[in-house]
C-alpha atoms as a PDB file:
ATOM      1  CA  MET A   1      -8.635  10.028 -33.975  1.00  0.00           C
ATOM      2  CA  ASN A   2      -9.115  13.749 -34.521  1.00  0.00           C
ATOM      3  CA  SER A   3      -8.433  13.463 -38.270  1.00  0.00           C
ATOM      4  CA  SER A   4     -10.916  10.615 -38.655  1.00  0.00           C
ATOM      5  CA  TYR A   5     -13.603  12.667 -36.934  1.00  0.00           C
ATOM      6  CA  CYS A   6     -12.900  15.654 -39.191  1.00  0.00           C
ATOM      7  CA  THR A   7     -12.911  13.467 -42.301  1.00  0.00           C
ATOM      8  CA  HIS A   8     -16.225  11.947 -41.290  1.00  0.00           C
ATOM      9  CA  VAL A   9     -17.730  15.398 -40.762  1.00  0.00           C
ATOM     10  CA  LYS A  10     -16.464  16.662 -44.141  1.00  0.00           C
ATOM     11  CA  LEU A  11     -17.898  13.662 -45.966  1.00  0.00           C
ATOM     12  CA  LEU A  12     -21.252  14.158 -44.313  1.00  0.00           C
ATOM     13  CA  LEU A  13     -21.301  17.854 -45.188  1.00  0.00           C
ATOM     14  CA  ARG A  14     -20.516  17.059 -48.830  1.00  0.00           C
ATOM     15  CA  GLY A  15     -23.289  14.474 -48.958  1.00  0.00           C
ATOM     16  CA  THR A  16     -27.003  14.715 -48.405  1.00  0.00           C
ATOM     17  CA  LYS A  17     -28.520  17.837 -46.887  1.00  0.00           C
ATOM     18  CA  THR A  18     -31.447  16.037 -45.312  1.00  0.00           C
ATOM     19  CA  ASN A  19     -32.411  16.596 -41.700  1.00  0.00           C
ATOM     20  CA  ARG A  20     -31.237  13.070 -40.890  1.00  0.00           C
ATOM     21  CA  GLY A  21     -27.782  13.809 -42.315  1.00  0.00           C
ATOM     22  CA  LEU A  22     -27.533  17.070 -40.380  1.00  0.00           C
ATOM     23  CA  ARG A  23     -28.542  15.317 -37.158  1.00  0.00           C
ATOM     24  CA  HIS A  24     -25.770  12.792 -37.831  1.00  0.00           C
ATOM     25  CA  VAL A  25     -23.288  15.656 -38.294  1.00  0.00           C
ATOM     26  CA  ASN A  26     -24.385  17.262 -35.043  1.00  0.00           C
ATOM     27  CA  CYS A  27     -23.997  13.934 -33.272  1.00  0.00           C
ATOM     28  CA  ILE A  28     -20.439  13.494 -34.565  1.00  0.00           C
ATOM     29  CA  ILE A  29     -19.504  17.063 -33.597  1.00  0.00           C
ATOM     30  CA  MET A  30     -20.895  16.573 -30.088  1.00  0.00           C
ATOM     31  CA  MET A  31     -18.945  13.327 -29.719  1.00  0.00           C
ATOM     32  CA  PHE A  32     -15.762  15.051 -30.859  1.00  0.00           C
ATOM     33  CA  MET A  33     -16.247  17.945 -28.409  1.00  0.00           C
ATOM     34  CA  LYS A  34     -16.973  15.499 -25.592  1.00  0.00           C
ATOM     35  CA  PHE A  35     -13.834  13.533 -26.440  1.00  0.00           C
ATOM     36  CA  GLN A  36     -11.701  16.704 -26.390  1.00  0.00           C
ATOM     37  CA  ARG A  37     -13.167  17.733 -23.050  1.00  0.00           C
ATOM     38  CA  CYS A  38     -12.449  14.291 -21.596  1.00  0.00           C
ATOM     39  CA  LEU A  39      -8.816  14.538 -22.698  1.00  0.00           C
ATOM     40  CA  VAL A  40      -8.476  18.046 -21.258  1.00  0.00           C
ATOM     41  CA  PHE A  41      -9.476  17.186 -17.720  1.00  0.00           C
ATOM     42  CA  HIS A  42      -7.763  13.769 -17.927  1.00  0.00           C
ATOM     43  CA  PHE A  43      -4.418  15.428 -18.669  1.00  0.00           C
ATOM     44  CA  ARG A  44      -5.143  18.034 -16.002  1.00  0.00           C
ATOM     45  CA  PHE A  45      -5.660  15.186 -13.540  1.00  0.00           C
ATOM     46  CA  LEU A  46      -2.305  13.590 -14.479  1.00  0.00           C
ATOM     47  CA  ALA A  47      -0.336  16.847 -14.705  1.00  0.00           C
ATOM     48  CA  THR A  48      -1.613  18.506 -11.499  1.00  0.00           C
ATOM     49  CA  GLY A  49      -2.813  15.618  -9.339  1.00  0.00           C
ATOM     50  CA  SER A  50      -6.152  17.360  -8.719  1.00  0.00           C
ATOM     51  CA  SER A  51      -8.703  15.264  -6.889  1.00  0.00           C
ATOM     52  CA  PHE A  52     -11.822  13.934  -8.585  1.00  0.00           C
ATOM     53  CA  LYS A  53     -13.897  16.332  -6.476  1.00  0.00           C
ATOM     54  CA  ALA A  54     -11.873  19.347  -7.610  1.00  0.00           C
ATOM     55  CA  LEU A  55     -12.174  18.270 -11.244  1.00  0.00           C
ATOM     56  CA  SER A  56     -15.905  17.690 -10.905  1.00  0.00           C
ATOM     57  CA  PHE A  57     -16.312  21.197  -9.479  1.00  0.00           C
ATOM     58  CA  ASN A  58     -14.153  22.829 -12.187  1.00  0.00           C
ATOM     59  CA  PHE A  59     -15.777  20.997 -15.107  1.00  0.00           C
ATOM     60  CA  ARG A  60     -19.256  20.808 -13.561  1.00  0.00           C
ATOM     61  CA  ILE A  61     -19.665  17.057 -13.827  1.00  0.00           C
ATOM     62  CA  GLY A  62     -20.164  14.415 -11.168  1.00  0.00           C
ATOM     63  CA  ALA A  63     -17.201  12.941  -9.304  1.00  0.00           C
ATOM     64  CA  SER A  64     -18.305   9.416 -10.235  1.00  0.00           C
ATOM     65  CA  THR A  65     -18.406  10.492 -13.895  1.00  0.00           C
ATOM     66  CA  VAL A  66     -14.851  11.820 -13.597  1.00  0.00           C
ATOM     67  CA  SER A  67     -13.730   8.460 -12.244  1.00  0.00           C
ATOM     68  CA  LYS A  68     -15.373   6.573 -15.101  1.00  0.00           C
ATOM     69  CA  ILE A  69     -13.913   8.886 -17.742  1.00  0.00           C
ATOM     70  CA  VAL A  70     -10.392   8.629 -16.281  1.00  0.00           C
ATOM     71  CA  ALA A  71     -10.644   4.834 -16.252  1.00  0.00           C
ATOM     72  CA  GLU A  72     -11.790   4.770 -19.886  1.00  0.00           C
ATOM     73  CA  VAL A  73      -9.215   7.284 -21.139  1.00  0.00           C
ATOM     74  CA  VAL A  74      -6.167   5.667 -19.489  1.00  0.00           C
ATOM     75  CA  THR A  75      -7.141   2.299 -20.965  1.00  0.00           C
ATOM     76  CA  ALA A  76      -7.783   3.798 -24.404  1.00  0.00           C
ATOM     77  CA  LEU A  77      -4.458   5.671 -24.438  1.00  0.00           C
ATOM     78  CA  TRP A  78      -2.507   2.549 -23.437  1.00  0.00           C
ATOM     79  CA  ASP A  79      -4.224   0.403 -26.076  1.00  0.00           C
ATOM     80  CA  ALA A  80      -3.638   3.014 -28.790  1.00  0.00           C
ATOM     81  CA  LEU A  81      -0.055   4.043 -27.977  1.00  0.00           C
ATOM     82  CA  GLN A  82       1.586   0.904 -26.579  1.00  0.00           C
ATOM     83  CA  PRO A  83       2.068  -0.927 -29.924  1.00  0.00           C
ATOM     84  CA  HIS A  84       3.886   2.140 -31.323  1.00  0.00           C
ATOM     85  CA  HIS A  85       5.816   3.552 -28.362  1.00  0.00           C
ATOM     86  CA  MET A  86       6.460   0.527 -26.114  1.00  0.00           C
ATOM     87  CA  PRO A  87       6.289  -2.558 -28.361  1.00  0.00           C
ATOM     88  CA  ILE A  88       7.497  -5.961 -27.214  1.00  0.00           C
ATOM     89  CA  PRO A  89      11.255  -5.816 -27.925  1.00  0.00           C
ATOM     90  CA  THR A  90      12.689  -8.055 -30.638  1.00  0.00           C
ATOM     91  CA  LYS A  91      16.293  -9.093 -31.283  1.00  0.00           C
ATOM     92  CA  ASP A  92      16.746  -6.225 -33.726  1.00  0.00           C
ATOM     93  CA  ARG A  93      15.330  -3.739 -31.229  1.00  0.00           C
ATOM     94  CA  PHE A  94      17.613  -5.075 -28.463  1.00  0.00           C
ATOM     95  CA  GLN A  95      20.572  -4.797 -30.830  1.00  0.00           C
ATOM     96  CA  CYS A  96      19.784  -1.127 -31.492  1.00  0.00           C
ATOM     97  CA  ILE A  97      19.447  -0.456 -27.755  1.00  0.00           C
ATOM     98  CA  ALA A  98      22.829  -2.107 -27.075  1.00  0.00           C
ATOM     99  CA  GLU A  99      24.487   0.041 -29.748  1.00  0.00           C
ATOM    100  CA  GLU A 100      23.001   3.188 -28.207  1.00  0.00           C
ATOM    101  CA  PHE A 101      24.205   2.237 -24.726  1.00  0.00           C
ATOM    102  CA  ASN A 102      27.720   1.628 -26.049  1.00  0.00           C
ATOM    103  CA  GLU A 103      27.737   4.890 -27.998  1.00  0.00           C
ATOM    104  CA  ILE A 104      26.214   7.115 -25.300  1.00  0.00           C
ATOM    105  CA  TRP A 105      27.105   5.405 -22.010  1.00  0.00           C
ATOM    106  CA  ASN A 106      30.179   3.357 -23.026  1.00  0.00           C
ATOM    107  CA  PHE A 107      28.782   0.058 -21.763  1.00  0.00           C
ATOM    108  CA  PRO A 108      28.812  -2.634 -24.503  1.00  0.00           C
ATOM    109  CA  ASN A 109      26.259  -5.456 -24.774  1.00  0.00           C
ATOM    110  CA  LEU A 110      23.818  -3.632 -22.491  1.00  0.00           C
ATOM    111  CA  LEU A 111      20.071  -4.017 -23.051  1.00  0.00           C
ATOM    112  CA  GLY A 112      18.584  -1.821 -20.322  1.00  0.00           C
ATOM    113  CA  ALA A 113      18.673  -0.538 -16.749  1.00  0.00           C
ATOM    114  CA  ILE A 114      16.201  -1.907 -14.182  1.00  0.00           C
ATOM    115  CA  ASP A 115      14.880  -0.284 -11.028  1.00  0.00           C
ATOM    116  CA  GLY A 116      11.682   0.090  -9.026  1.00  0.00           C
ATOM    117  CA  LYS A 117       9.664   3.103  -7.886  1.00  0.00           C
ATOM    118  CA  HIS A 118       7.047   3.294  -5.142  1.00  0.00           C
ATOM    119  CA  ILE A 119       3.790   4.950  -6.218  1.00  0.00           C
ATOM    120  CA  ARG A 120       1.960   6.421  -3.216  1.00  0.00           C
ATOM    121  CA  ILE A 121      -1.665   5.254  -2.869  1.00  0.00           C
ATOM    122  CA  ALA A 122      -4.480   5.426  -0.332  1.00  0.00           C
ATOM    123  CA  CYS A 123      -4.625   2.400   1.927  1.00  0.00           C
ATOM    124  CA  PRO A 124      -6.761  -0.267   0.162  1.00  0.00           C
ATOM    125  CA  LYS A 125      -9.557  -1.810   2.216  1.00  0.00           C
ATOM    126  CA  ASN A 126      -8.768  -5.042   4.068  1.00  0.00           C
ATOM    127  CA  SER A 127      -5.201  -5.085   2.767  1.00  0.00           C
ATOM    128  CA  GLY A 128      -3.406  -5.177   6.097  1.00  0.00           C
ATOM    129  CA  SER A 129       0.268  -4.312   5.661  1.00  0.00           C
ATOM    130  CA  MET A 130       0.618  -5.726   2.121  1.00  0.00           C
ATOM    131  CA  PHE A 131       0.996  -2.263   0.569  1.00  0.00           C
ATOM    132  CA  PHE A 132       2.882  -0.630   3.472  1.00  0.00           C
ATOM    133  CA  ASN A 133       6.497  -0.050   2.458  1.00  0.00           C
ATOM    134  CA  TYR A 134       9.761   0.613   4.303  1.00  0.00           C
ATOM    135  CA  LYS A 135       9.324   4.363   3.661  1.00  0.00           C
ATOM    136  CA  LYS A 136       6.259   4.276   5.945  1.00  0.00           C
ATOM    137  CA  PHE A 137       3.503   4.889   3.391  1.00  0.00           C
ATOM    138  CA  PHE A 138       1.192   2.732   1.278  1.00  0.00           C
ATOM    139  CA  SER A 139       2.287   2.109  -2.283  1.00  0.00           C
ATOM    140  CA  VAL A 140       2.350  -0.106  -5.341  1.00  0.00           C
ATOM    141  CA  VAL A 141       5.639  -0.727  -7.115  1.00  0.00           C
ATOM    142  CA  LEU A 142       6.467   0.256 -10.676  1.00  0.00           C
ATOM    143  CA  GLN A 143       9.388  -1.761 -12.038  1.00  0.00           C
ATOM    144  CA  GLY A 144      10.800  -0.264 -15.216  1.00  0.00           C
ATOM    145  CA  VAL A 145      13.432  -1.251 -17.755  1.00  0.00           C
ATOM    146  CA  VAL A 146      14.836   1.826 -19.501  1.00  0.00           C
ATOM    147  CA  ASP A 147      16.950   2.229 -22.649  1.00  0.00           C
ATOM    148  CA  ALA A 148      19.843   4.635 -23.297  1.00  0.00           C
ATOM    149  CA  LYS A 149      17.498   7.565 -24.023  1.00  0.00           C
ATOM    150  CA  TYR A 150      15.322   7.309 -20.883  1.00  0.00           C
ATOM    151  CA  LYS A 151      12.490   5.439 -22.628  1.00  0.00           C
ATOM    152  CA  PHE A 152      10.755   2.494 -21.008  1.00  0.00           C
ATOM    153  CA  ILE A 153      11.358  -0.817 -22.776  1.00  0.00           C
ATOM    154  CA  SER A 154       9.014  -2.713 -20.473  1.00  0.00           C
ATOM    155  CA  ILE A 155       7.175  -2.047 -17.229  1.00  0.00           C
ATOM    156  CA  ASP A 156       5.629  -4.141 -14.499  1.00  0.00           C
ATOM    157  CA  VAL A 157       3.059  -2.358 -12.306  1.00  0.00           C
ATOM    158  CA  GLY A 158       1.179  -3.559  -9.250  1.00  0.00           C
ATOM    159  CA  GLY A 159       3.770  -5.074  -6.936  1.00  0.00           C
ATOM    160  CA  TYR A 160       2.968  -4.887  -3.232  1.00  0.00           C
ATOM    161  CA  GLY A 161       4.619  -1.982  -1.438  1.00  0.00           C
ATOM    162  CA  LYS A 162       6.076  -4.242   1.249  1.00  0.00           C
ATOM    163  CA  GLN A 163       8.138  -6.150  -1.332  1.00  0.00           C
ATOM    164  CA  SER A 164      11.786  -5.373  -1.921  1.00  0.00           C
ATOM    165  CA  ASP A 165      13.064  -4.596  -5.406  1.00  0.00           C
ATOM    166  CA  GLY A 166      14.402  -8.131  -5.586  1.00  0.00           C
ATOM    167  CA  GLY A 167      11.057  -9.598  -4.533  1.00  0.00           C
ATOM    168  CA  THR A 168       9.227  -7.486  -7.097  1.00  0.00           C
ATOM    169  CA  PHE A 169      11.687  -8.622  -9.766  1.00  0.00           C
ATOM    170  CA  HIS A 170      11.177 -12.320  -8.937  1.00  0.00           C
ATOM    171  CA  ALA A 171       7.406 -11.837  -9.236  1.00  0.00           C
ATOM    172  CA  SER A 172       7.671  -9.986 -12.564  1.00  0.00           C
ATOM    173  CA  LYS A 173       7.179 -11.209 -16.112  1.00  0.00           C
ATOM    174  CA  LEU A 174      10.700 -10.101 -16.991  1.00  0.00           C
ATOM    175  CA  TYR A 175      12.222 -12.550 -14.524  1.00  0.00           C
ATOM    176  CA  ALA A 176      10.002 -15.338 -15.838  1.00  0.00           C
ATOM    177  CA  CYS A 177      11.164 -14.576 -19.395  1.00  0.00           C
ATOM    178  CA  LEU A 178      14.825 -14.560 -18.345  1.00  0.00           C
ATOM    179  CA  ARG A 179      14.393 -17.778 -16.379  1.00  0.00           C
ATOM    180  CA  ASP A 180      12.554 -19.576 -19.184  1.00  0.00           C
ATOM    181  CA  LYS A 181      14.807 -17.998 -21.860  1.00  0.00           C
ATOM    182  CA  THR A 182      11.815 -16.761 -23.849  1.00  0.00           C
ATOM    183  CA  LEU A 183      13.100 -13.180 -24.155  1.00  0.00           C
ATOM    184  CA  GLU A 184      14.544 -12.487 -27.616  1.00  0.00           C
ATOM    185  CA  ILE A 185      18.042 -11.594 -26.411  1.00  0.00           C
ATOM    186  CA  PRO A 186      20.737 -11.522 -29.122  1.00  0.00           C
ATOM    187  CA  GLU A 187      23.506 -14.103 -29.071  1.00  0.00           C
ATOM    188  CA  PRO A 188      26.723 -13.259 -27.143  1.00  0.00           C
ATOM    189  CA  ASN A 189      28.938 -10.852 -29.049  1.00  0.00           C
ATOM    190  CA  PHE A 190      32.551  -9.659 -29.001  1.00  0.00           C
ATOM    191  CA  LEU A 191      33.363  -6.741 -26.738  1.00  0.00           C
ATOM    192  CA  PRO A 192      34.639  -3.735 -28.748  1.00  0.00           C
ATOM    193  CA  GLY A 193      38.304  -4.030 -29.734  1.00  0.00           C
ATOM    194  CA  THR A 194      38.718  -7.503 -28.234  1.00  0.00           C
ATOM    195  CA  GLU A 195      38.267 -11.156 -29.095  1.00  0.00           C
ATOM    196  CA  VAL A 196      36.401 -11.781 -25.832  1.00  0.00           C
ATOM    197  CA  THR A 197      32.706 -12.647 -26.135  1.00  0.00           C
ATOM    198  CA  ALA A 198      30.158 -11.585 -23.545  1.00  0.00           C
ATOM    199  CA  PRO A 199      26.385 -12.069 -23.311  1.00  0.00           C
ATOM    200  CA  TYR A 200      23.929  -9.205 -23.525  1.00  0.00           C
ATOM    201  CA  VAL A 201      22.895  -8.075 -20.050  1.00  0.00           C
ATOM    202  CA  PHE A 202      20.701  -5.741 -18.014  1.00  0.00           C
ATOM    203  CA  VAL A 203      22.047  -3.708 -15.077  1.00  0.00           C
ATOM    204  CA  SER A 204      20.517  -3.056 -11.662  1.00  0.00           C
ATOM    205  CA  ASP A 205      21.401  -1.996  -8.135  1.00  0.00           C
ATOM    206  CA  GLU A 206      22.432  -4.248  -5.246  1.00  0.00           C
ATOM    207  CA  ALA A 207      18.833  -5.131  -4.336  1.00  0.00           C
ATOM    208  CA  TYR A 208      18.520  -7.362  -7.404  1.00  0.00           C
ATOM    209  CA  PRO A 209      19.975 -10.855  -7.832  1.00  0.00           C
ATOM    210  CA  LEU A 210      23.104 -11.545  -9.873  1.00  0.00           C
ATOM    211  CA  LEU A 211      22.144 -13.521 -12.979  1.00  0.00           C
ATOM    212  CA  PRO A 212      23.936 -14.369 -16.234  1.00  0.00           C
ATOM    213  CA  ASN A 213      21.863 -11.683 -17.983  1.00  0.00           C
ATOM    214  CA  LEU A 214      21.558  -9.275 -15.020  1.00  0.00           C
ATOM    215  CA  MET A 215      24.579  -7.469 -13.611  1.00  0.00           C
ATOM    216  CA  LYS A 216      24.694  -5.721 -10.253  1.00  0.00           C
ATOM    217  CA  PRO A 217      27.577  -3.855  -8.552  1.00  0.00           C
ATOM    218  CA  TYR A 218      30.099  -5.438  -6.218  1.00  0.00           C
ATOM    219  CA  SER A 219      29.113  -4.958  -2.586  1.00  0.00           C
ATOM    220  CA  GLY A 220      31.295  -3.978   0.329  1.00  0.00           C
ATOM    221  CA  SER A 221      33.871  -1.297   1.047  1.00  0.00           C
ATOM    222  CA  LYS A 222      37.585  -1.039   0.214  1.00  0.00           C
ATOM    223  CA  LEU A 223      37.069  -2.830  -3.071  1.00  0.00           C
ATOM    224  CA  PRO A 224      39.900  -3.545  -5.511  1.00  0.00           C
ATOM    225  CA  LEU A 225      40.419  -0.931  -8.200  1.00  0.00           C
ATOM    226  CA  GLU A 226      38.970  -3.215 -10.898  1.00  0.00           C
ATOM    227  CA  HIS A 227      35.762  -3.705  -8.914  1.00  0.00           C
ATOM    228  CA  GLU A 228      35.428   0.024  -8.280  1.00  0.00           C
ATOM    229  CA  CYS A 229      35.895   0.673 -11.995  1.00  0.00           C
ATOM    230  CA  PHE A 230      33.117  -1.809 -12.802  1.00  0.00           C
ATOM    231  CA  ASN A 231      30.790  -0.280 -10.180  1.00  0.00           C
ATOM    232  CA  LYS A 232      31.327   3.238 -11.531  1.00  0.00           C
ATOM    233  CA  ARG A 233      30.667   2.179 -15.127  1.00  0.00           C
ATOM    234  CA  LEU A 234      27.530   0.284 -14.089  1.00  0.00           C
ATOM    235  CA  SER A 235      26.250   3.149 -11.937  1.00  0.00           C
ATOM    236  CA  ARG A 236      26.828   5.569 -14.808  1.00  0.00           C
ATOM    237  CA  CYS A 237      24.509   3.519 -17.025  1.00  0.00           C
ATOM    238  CA  ARG A 238      21.976   2.924 -14.277  1.00  0.00           C
ATOM    239  CA  LYS A 239      21.358   6.673 -14.131  1.00  0.00           C
ATOM    240  CA  THR A 240      19.100   6.249 -17.157  1.00  0.00           C
ATOM    241  CA  VAL A 241      16.344   4.596 -15.151  1.00  0.00           C
ATOM    242  CA  GLU A 242      16.730   7.073 -12.286  1.00  0.00           C
ATOM    243  CA  CYS A 243      16.486   9.971 -14.756  1.00  0.00           C
ATOM    244  CA  ALA A 244      13.429   8.409 -16.402  1.00  0.00           C
ATOM    245  CA  PHE A 245      11.641   8.218 -13.051  1.00  0.00           C
ATOM    246  CA  GLY A 246      12.686  11.792 -12.226  1.00  0.00           C
ATOM    247  CA  ILE A 247      11.493  13.210 -15.548  1.00  0.00           C
ATOM    248  CA  MET A 248       8.202  11.370 -15.257  1.00  0.00           C
ATOM    249  CA  ASN A 249       7.694  12.498 -11.660  1.00  0.00           C
ATOM    250  CA  SER A 250       8.347  16.169 -12.474  1.00  0.00           C
ATOM    251  CA  LYS A 251       6.141  16.207 -15.572  1.00  0.00           C
ATOM    252  CA  TRP A 252       3.179  14.296 -14.122  1.00  0.00           C
ATOM    253  CA  ARG A 253       2.655  15.762 -10.638  1.00  0.00           C
ATOM    254  CA  LEU A 254       0.087  13.113  -9.781  1.00  0.00           C
ATOM    255  CA  LEU A 255       3.006  10.766  -9.015  1.00  0.00           C
ATOM    256  CA  GLY A 256       4.167  13.114  -6.266  1.00  0.00           C
ATOM    257  CA  LYS A 257       0.839  12.843  -4.466  1.00  0.00           C
ATOM    258  CA  CYS A 258      -1.312  10.086  -3.025  1.00  0.00           C
ATOM    259  CA  ILE A 259      -3.478   8.524  -5.759  1.00  0.00           C
ATOM    260  CA  GLU A 260      -6.841   8.064  -4.074  1.00  0.00           C
ATOM    261  CA  THR A 261      -8.433   5.458  -6.340  1.00  0.00           C
ATOM    262  CA  ASN A 262      -8.762   1.692  -6.228  1.00  0.00           C
ATOM    263  CA  VAL A 263      -5.592  -0.307  -6.849  1.00  0.00           C
ATOM    264  CA  ASP A 264      -6.667  -1.592 -10.274  1.00  0.00           C
ATOM    265  CA  LEU A 265      -7.181   1.958 -11.553  1.00  0.00           C
ATOM    266  CA  VAL A 266      -3.822   3.016 -10.081  1.00  0.00           C
ATOM    267  CA  ASP A 267      -2.120   0.322 -12.173  1.00  0.00           C
ATOM    268  CA  HIS A 268      -3.794   1.600 -15.353  1.00  0.00           C
ATOM    269  CA  ILE A 269      -2.962   5.234 -14.509  1.00  0.00           C
ATOM    270  CA  VAL A 270       0.718   4.422 -14.008  1.00  0.00           C
ATOM    271  CA  LYS A 271       0.854   2.446 -17.257  1.00  0.00           C
ATOM    272  CA  CYS A 272      -0.745   5.392 -19.055  1.00  0.00           C
ATOM    273  CA  ILE A 273       1.829   7.828 -17.634  1.00  0.00           C
ATOM    274  CA  CYS A 274       4.685   5.548 -18.727  1.00  0.00           C
ATOM    275  CA  ILE A 275       3.393   5.292 -22.295  1.00  0.00           C
ATOM    276  CA  LEU A 276       2.856   9.080 -22.434  1.00  0.00           C
ATOM    277  CA  HIS A 277       6.451   9.514 -21.226  1.00  0.00           C
ATOM    278  CA  ASN A 278       7.687   7.392 -24.155  1.00  0.00           C
ATOM    279  CA  THR A 279       5.408   9.159 -26.624  1.00  0.00           C
ATOM    280  CA  ILE A 280       6.714  12.606 -25.664  1.00  0.00           C
ATOM    281  CA  ILE A 281      10.343  11.491 -26.066  1.00  0.00           C
ATOM    282  CA  ASP A 282       9.584   9.887 -29.444  1.00  0.00           C
ATOM    283  CA  ARG A 283       7.900  13.049 -30.704  1.00  0.00           C
ATOM    284  CA  GLU A 284      10.048  15.766 -29.108  1.00  0.00           C
ATOM    285  CA  GLY A 285      13.354  14.020 -28.390  1.00  0.00           C
ATOM    286  CA  ILE A 286      15.387  14.554 -25.225  1.00  0.00           C
ATOM    287  CA  ASP A 287      18.581  16.382 -24.261  1.00  0.00           C
ATOM    288  CA  LEU A 288      20.890  14.035 -22.344  1.00  0.00           C
ATOM    289  CA  ASN A 289      23.316  16.790 -21.145  1.00  0.00           C
ATOM    290  CA  LEU A 290      26.317  14.464 -20.813  1.00  0.00           C
ATOM    291  CA  CYS A 291      30.009  15.191 -20.555  1.00  0.00           C
ATOM    292  CA  GLU A 292      31.924  13.971 -23.588  1.00  0.00           C
ATOM    293  CA  VAL A 293      34.112  11.001 -22.694  1.00  0.00           C
ATOM    294  CA  GLY A 294      36.150   8.417 -24.564  1.00  0.00           C
ATOM    295  CA  VAL A 295      37.521   4.930 -23.944  1.00  0.00           C
ATOM    296  CA  LEU A 296      41.258   4.294 -23.568  1.00  0.00           C
ATOM    297  CA  HIS A 297      41.657   0.898 -25.182  1.00  0.00           C
ATOM    298  CA  GLY A 298      44.237  -1.360 -23.587  1.00  0.00           C
ATOM    299  CA  PRO A 299      45.389  -4.949 -24.093  1.00  0.00           C
ATOM    300  CA  SER A 300      42.759  -7.645 -23.728  1.00  0.00           C
ATOM    301  CA  HIS A 301      43.219 -10.595 -21.394  1.00  0.00           C
ATOM    302  CA  SER A 302      41.573 -13.982 -21.642  1.00  0.00           C
ATOM    303  CA  ILE A 303      38.998 -14.937 -19.027  1.00  0.00           C
ATOM    304  CA  PRO A 304      38.852 -18.534 -17.736  1.00  0.00           C
ATOM    305  CA  ALA A 305      35.773 -20.498 -18.723  1.00  0.00           C
ATOM    306  CA  ALA A 306      32.899 -20.636 -16.269  1.00  0.00           C
ATOM    307  CA  SER A 307      31.881 -23.872 -14.610  1.00  0.00           C
ATOM    308  CA  GLY A 308      29.445 -25.086 -11.998  1.00  0.00           C
ATOM    309  CA  ARG A 309      26.183 -23.527 -10.879  1.00  0.00           C
ATOM    310  CA  PRO A 310      24.317 -20.634 -12.588  1.00  0.00           C
ATOM    311  CA  LEU A 311      25.622 -18.259  -9.890  1.00  0.00           C
ATOM    312  CA  ASN A 312      29.168 -19.108 -10.933  1.00  0.00           C
ATOM    313  CA  GLU A 313      28.191 -18.382 -14.533  1.00  0.00           C
ATOM    314  CA  ALA A 314      26.803 -14.978 -13.492  1.00  0.00           C
ATOM    315  CA  LYS A 315      30.005 -14.182 -11.583  1.00  0.00           C
ATOM    316  CA  HIS A 316      32.024 -15.224 -14.610  1.00  0.00           C
ATOM    317  CA  VAL A 317      30.064 -12.827 -16.835  1.00  0.00           C
ATOM    318  CA  ARG A 318      30.649 -10.004 -14.345  1.00  0.00           C
ATOM    319  CA  ASP A 319      34.369 -10.859 -14.300  1.00  0.00           C
ATOM    320  CA  ILE A 320      34.442 -10.506 -18.099  1.00  0.00           C
ATOM    321  CA  PHE A 321      33.017  -6.986 -17.940  1.00  0.00           C
ATOM    322  CA  THR A 322      35.235  -6.134 -14.940  1.00  0.00           C
ATOM    323  CA  ALA A 323      38.383  -7.085 -16.854  1.00  0.00           C
ATOM    324  CA  TYR A 324      37.210  -5.201 -19.956  1.00  0.00           C
ATOM    325  CA  PHE A 325      36.462  -1.976 -18.041  1.00  0.00           C
ATOM    326  CA  ALA A 326      39.761  -2.208 -16.137  1.00  0.00           C
ATOM    327  CA  ASN A 327      41.677  -2.441 -19.421  1.00  0.00           C
ATOM    328  CA  ASN A 328      39.493   0.165 -21.187  1.00  0.00           C
ATOM    329  CA  PRO A 329      38.872   3.016 -18.699  1.00  0.00           C
ATOM    330  CA  LEU A 330      36.985   6.196 -19.527  1.00  0.00           C
ATOM    331  CA  CYS A 331      38.692   9.539 -20.031  1.00  0.00           C
ATOM    332  CA  ARG A 332      36.978  12.929 -20.141  1.00  0.00           C
ATOM    333  CA  TYR A 333      37.763  15.079 -23.140  1.00  0.00           C
ATOM    334  CA  SER A 334      39.047  18.570 -22.442  1.00  0.00           C
ATOM    335  CA  ASN A 335      36.946  21.529 -23.537  1.00  0.00           C
ATOM    336  CA  LYS A 336      40.058  23.449 -24.573  1.00  0.00           C
END
């Protein structure tokens, strides 16, 4: 947008020197300066969490004007950046994500890690306890799916704070796509070094349901060694979504405070922060700071075919990955 403004100004300066042309130039320059100023205090709002009153005092504009500008800028940034930095994933995109997860996190056929985050808000009027969560504050829920490099693949914002992660997931568009099989997930593929096929899956914590395309850890204590191995490998990959939330929370301090706007604007603000998070990683990259590990490949064993209800199918898929991880454990390379 900046380059188009500058180009427009240059063309006008090269053209007619009439008073009308000069007035047009002045108008464009004023619009450009106003746009820059709007971006400055918008990013200050996101980065510091300053209130609208504090921003209105610092920039000498009305608090209601600040609110309108923030609402316009967050929507404009989402509309401009989302097609480039958080596009709807295709089969090819999912395939690239799965290769990155296998290369970086040693989990084959993995499409993303899912988790939810509570965004603190002021109590909405006449909302009762709908937004009051188990942590004893009012919130909306951000559910994010993150790739191997801490970037959001998809987000769902606006869940009621009182909902569990599982309830938020069942109300999300992602669950509807998985249920209706409209998500462009690649066909099942062989696990590395074996002749065993497994579907492409997402991973989550215990709060989410077990589905054929959504793996969660085994619950309980004193688990068999194979189950513990699966849980550790899954938890290792699930760190990506936790790290994404942590990076976003430390960079945009507004998320660490109570957002005192209406709920609709909160949803747009959170979406804007998520797309800015992706944009920064795309432009600057990110240092993962991981220990170098390898996979000790062992003999592969056949897995009996699944039968019965969808839950049995989901358990069968988890058994496939459990057997693979038990036969192919991780080993940490020595620095010597």
